[in-house]
C-alpha atoms as a PDB file:
ATOM      1  CA  UNK A   1     102.226 108.689 116.920  1.00  0.00           C
ATOM      2  CA  UNK A   2     103.579 110.554 113.801  1.00  0.00           C
ATOM      3  CA  UNK A   3     107.171 109.843 114.612  1.00  0.00           C
ATOM      4  CA  UNK A   4     106.565 106.159 115.152  1.00  0.00           C
ATOM      5  CA  UNK A   5     104.512 105.679 112.045  1.00  0.00           C
ATOM      6  CA  UNK A   6     107.047 107.465 109.840  1.00  0.00           C
ATOM      7  CA  UNK A   7     109.936 105.647 111.397  1.00  0.00           C
ATOM      8  CA  UNK A   8     108.405 102.264 110.865  1.00  0.00           C
ATOM      9  CA  UNK A   9     107.532 103.158 107.242  1.00  0.00           C
ATOM     10  CA  UNK A  10     111.000 104.562 106.533  1.00  0.00           C
ATOM     11  CA  UNK A  11     112.860 101.672 108.163  1.00  0.00           C
ATOM     12  CA  UNK A  12     112.533  99.514 105.010  1.00  0.00           C
ATOM     13  CA  UNK A  13     113.433 102.187 102.442  1.00  0.00           C
ATOM     14  CA  UNK A  14     116.500 101.813 100.285  1.00  0.00           C
ATOM     15  CA  UNK A  15     118.756 104.832 100.668  1.00  0.00           C
ATOM     16  CA  UNK A  16     118.081 106.098  97.115  1.00  0.00           C
ATOM     17  CA  UNK A  17     114.284 105.965  97.810  1.00  0.00           C
ATOM     18  CA  UNK A  18     114.613 107.717 101.140  1.00  0.00           C
ATOM     19  CA  UNK A  19     116.742 110.443  99.514  1.00  0.00           C
ATOM     20  CA  UNK A  20     114.085 110.922  96.777  1.00  0.00           C
ATOM     21  CA  UNK A  21     111.430 111.451  99.481  1.00  0.00           C
ATOM     22  CA  UNK A  22     113.697 113.924 101.376  1.00  0.00           C
ATOM     23  CA  UNK A  23     114.322 115.931  98.207  1.00  0.00           C
ATOM     24  CA  UNK A  24     110.623 116.181  97.430  1.00  0.00           C
ATOM     25  CA  UNK A  25     109.954 117.359 101.036  1.00  0.00           C
ATOM     26  CA  UNK A  26     112.823 119.847 100.790  1.00  0.00           C
ATOM     27  CA  UNK A  27     111.291 121.364  97.629  1.00  0.00           C
ATOM     28  CA  UNK A  28     108.050 121.820  99.466  1.00  0.00           C
ATOM     29  CA  UNK A  29     109.370 123.300 102.685  1.00  0.00           C
ATOM     30  CA  UNK A  30     112.802 124.779 101.931  1.00  0.00           C
ATOM     31  CA  UNK A  31     111.434 128.310 101.681  1.00  0.00           C
ATOM     32  CA  UNK A  32     110.004 128.166 105.189  1.00  0.00           C
ATOM     33  CA  UNK A  33     113.277 127.337 106.955  1.00  0.00           C
ATOM     34  CA  UNK A  34     115.500 130.111 108.103  1.00  0.00           C
ATOM     35  CA  UNK A  35     118.661 130.348 110.107  1.00  0.00           C
ATOM     36  CA  UNK A  36     116.394 131.032 113.106  1.00  0.00           C
ATOM     37  CA  UNK A  37     114.417 127.831 112.535  1.00  0.00           C
ATOM     38  CA  UNK A  38     111.239 126.752 110.948  1.00  0.00           C
ATOM     39  CA  UNK A  39     107.666 127.905 111.489  1.00  0.00           C
ATOM     40  CA  UNK A  40     106.246 127.797 114.989  1.00  0.00           C
ATOM     41  CA  UNK A  41     104.146 124.779 115.775  1.00  0.00           C
ATOM     42  CA  UNK A  42     101.109 124.480 118.053  1.00  0.00           C
ATOM     43  CA  UNK A  43     100.726 124.002 121.766  1.00  0.00           C
ATOM     44  CA  UNK A  44      99.450 120.692 123.144  1.00  0.00           C
ATOM     45  CA  UNK A  45      96.124 122.299 124.108  1.00  0.00           C
ATOM     46  CA  UNK A  46      95.704 123.739 120.623  1.00  0.00           C
ATOM     47  CA  UNK A  47      95.966 120.261 119.051  1.00  0.00           C
ATOM     48  CA  UNK A  48      94.306 118.172 121.739  1.00  0.00           C
ATOM     49  CA  UNK A  49      91.104 118.540 123.747  1.00  0.00           C
ATOM     50  CA  UNK A  50      92.796 118.468 127.194  1.00  0.00           C
ATOM     51  CA  UNK A  51      89.850 116.972 128.942  1.00  0.00           C
ATOM     52  CA  UNK A  52      89.664 113.848 126.694  1.00  0.00           C
ATOM     53  CA  UNK A  53      93.231 113.993 125.449  1.00  0.00           C
ATOM     54  CA  UNK A  54      92.043 113.348 121.935  1.00  0.00           C
ATOM     55  CA  UNK A  55      93.192 115.273 118.816  1.00  0.00           C
ATOM     56  CA  UNK A  56      90.877 118.015 117.642  1.00  0.00           C
ATOM     57  CA  UNK A  57      89.131 117.404 114.363  1.00  0.00           C
ATOM     58  CA  UNK A  58      91.111 119.894 112.278  1.00  0.00           C
ATOM     59  CA  UNK A  59      94.381 118.284 113.392  1.00  0.00           C
ATOM     60  CA  UNK A  60      93.147 114.799 112.655  1.00  0.00           C
ATOM     61  CA  UNK A  61      92.239 116.031 109.173  1.00  0.00           C
ATOM     62  CA  UNK A  62      95.680 117.596 108.712  1.00  0.00           C
ATOM     63  CA  UNK A  63      97.296 114.326 110.030  1.00  0.00           C
ATOM     64  CA  UNK A  64      95.390 112.305 107.440  1.00  0.00           C
ATOM     65  CA  UNK A  65      96.201 114.732 104.637  1.00  0.00           C
ATOM     66  CA  UNK A  66      99.971 114.790 105.416  1.00  0.00           C
ATOM     67  CA  UNK A  67      99.997 111.038 105.789  1.00  0.00           C
ATOM     68  CA  UNK A  68      98.398 110.621 102.332  1.00  0.00           C
ATOM     69  CA  UNK A  69     101.012 112.946 100.934  1.00  0.00           C
ATOM     70  CA  UNK A  70     103.765 110.816 102.405  1.00  0.00           C
ATOM     71  CA  UNK A  71     102.140 107.691 101.005  1.00  0.00           C
ATOM     72  CA  UNK A  72     102.033 109.364  97.609  1.00  0.00           C
ATOM     73  CA  UNK A  73     105.910 109.921  98.009  1.00  0.00           C
ATOM     74  CA  UNK A  74     106.470 106.239  98.592  1.00  0.00           C
ATOM     75  CA  UNK A  75     106.150 105.593 102.298  1.00  0.00           C
ATOM     76  CA  UNK A  76     104.217 102.412 103.100  1.00  0.00           C
ATOM     77  CA  UNK A  77     102.476 102.750 106.443  1.00  0.00           C
ATOM     78  CA  UNK A  78     101.374  99.756 108.518  1.00  0.00           C
ATOM     79  CA  UNK A  79      97.618  99.644 108.734  1.00  0.00           C
END
């Protein structure tokens, strides 16, 4: 879901606008990335209720927060 939404939103960006967003994200996350990789993510069953296959509340809240941050950087998501 996230990949699709970001891809659609980024598809219409001008290269300079995309570069600006990437630079802002780099400032925010650069110190977390090492030669060994980035921070560990979460397993499927940590993010989703495996019985209903729906995202857990805390991850939906995180999704909405990050999506808002991306909108503030200039991505225009389809509603």
